[in-house]
Protein backbone atom coordinates (compact mmCIF):
# COMPACT_ATOMS: atom_id res chain seq x y z
CA ALA A 1 174.12 -36.61 123.45
CA ALA A 2 172.87 -35.41 120.57
CA VAL A 3 176.79 -35.96 119.35
CA ARG A 4 177.54 -39.64 118.03
CA PRO A 5 180.81 -40.47 118.33
CA GLY A 6 182.83 -39.40 116.51
CA GLY A 7 180.61 -36.20 115.89
CA ILE A 8 181.69 -32.54 116.05
CA LEU A 9 180.21 -29.84 117.83
CA LEU A 10 181.02 -26.49 116.60
CA ILE A 11 180.02 -23.68 118.46
CA VAL A 12 180.40 -20.03 117.67
CA SER A 13 179.28 -16.96 119.65
CA HIS A 14 180.38 -13.58 120.69
CA HIS A 15 182.52 -12.80 122.73
CA PRO A 16 182.01 -11.00 125.57
CA ALA A 17 184.98 -8.61 125.33
CA ASP A 18 182.17 -6.93 122.85
CA ILE A 19 179.54 -6.81 125.41
CA GLU A 20 179.34 -2.67 125.33
CA GLY A 21 179.17 -3.40 121.27
CA ALA A 22 175.98 -5.08 121.61
CA HIS A 23 173.76 -2.53 123.19
CA ARG A 24 171.17 -5.59 123.81
CA PRO A 25 169.86 -6.20 127.33
CA ASN A 26 170.35 -10.04 127.51
CA ALA A 27 174.20 -9.44 126.18
CA PRO A 28 175.43 -10.82 129.34
CA VAL A 29 173.84 -14.47 129.36
CA MET A 30 174.71 -14.73 125.28
CA PHE A 31 178.01 -13.52 125.37
CA ALA A 32 180.66 -16.17 126.81
CA THR A 33 184.40 -17.00 126.47
CA ALA A 34 185.97 -20.24 124.39
CA ALA A 35 187.13 -21.25 127.84
CA GLU A 36 183.55 -21.15 129.50
CA MET A 37 182.36 -23.06 126.60
CA ALA A 38 184.41 -25.92 126.81
CA ALA A 39 184.25 -26.15 130.04
CA VAL A 40 180.99 -27.61 130.62
CA LEU A 41 182.73 -30.16 128.39
CA ASP A 42 184.20 -33.41 130.66
CA PRO A 43 187.29 -33.87 128.68
CA ALA A 44 187.72 -37.83 128.98
CA ALA A 45 184.87 -37.60 126.40
CA TRP A 46 185.52 -35.13 123.80
CA THR A 47 188.56 -33.79 121.61
CA ILE A 48 188.82 -29.79 122.42
CA GLU A 49 189.67 -26.48 120.68
CA THR A 50 188.98 -23.38 120.94
CA ALA A 51 190.03 -19.86 119.27
CA GLU A 52 189.16 -15.85 120.05
CA PRO A 53 189.96 -14.81 116.64
CA GLU A 54 189.39 -11.01 115.92
CA ARG A 55 187.78 -10.32 112.69
CA GLU A 56 186.97 -6.38 110.80
CA GLY A 57 183.14 -6.53 111.51
CA ALA A 58 180.38 -4.21 111.66
CA LEU A 59 179.38 -2.13 114.67
CA PRO A 60 176.27 -1.88 115.45
CA GLY A 61 174.88 2.46 114.79
CA GLY A 62 177.40 1.60 111.66
CA GLY A 63 180.95 2.15 110.30
CA THR A 64 183.32 -0.68 111.62
CA GLY A 65 185.71 -2.42 113.59
CA THR A 66 187.05 -5.03 115.61
CA VAL A 67 185.47 -7.88 117.15
CA ARG A 68 186.22 -10.90 118.36
CA ASP A 69 184.61 -14.55 118.15
CA ALA A 70 184.16 -17.39 120.38
CA VAL A 71 184.54 -20.19 118.92
CA LEU A 72 184.52 -24.08 120.60
CA ARG A 73 185.33 -27.43 118.03
CA ALA A 74 184.73 -30.81 120.05
CA VAL A 75 185.54 -34.49 118.61
CA ARG A 76 182.78 -36.81 120.67
CA ARG A 77 185.80 -39.27 121.43
CA ARG A 78 182.98 -41.63 123.25
């Protein structure tokens, strides 16, 4: 309801594939796939795009490694 028609909802989150590296007790609640986020939107009311890009990022405890994001971009139709 906070996005007007023609407005964009953009969510970038951690992907569940990275839960093991999170070292946070509530990580499973915080992590979602792009498809899981899209599933709560009415496709008749939104134009939905999802992606799960990989990138190099900092790992807990130091060093770098491949991490995956969950990205949802939705444009409200009505």
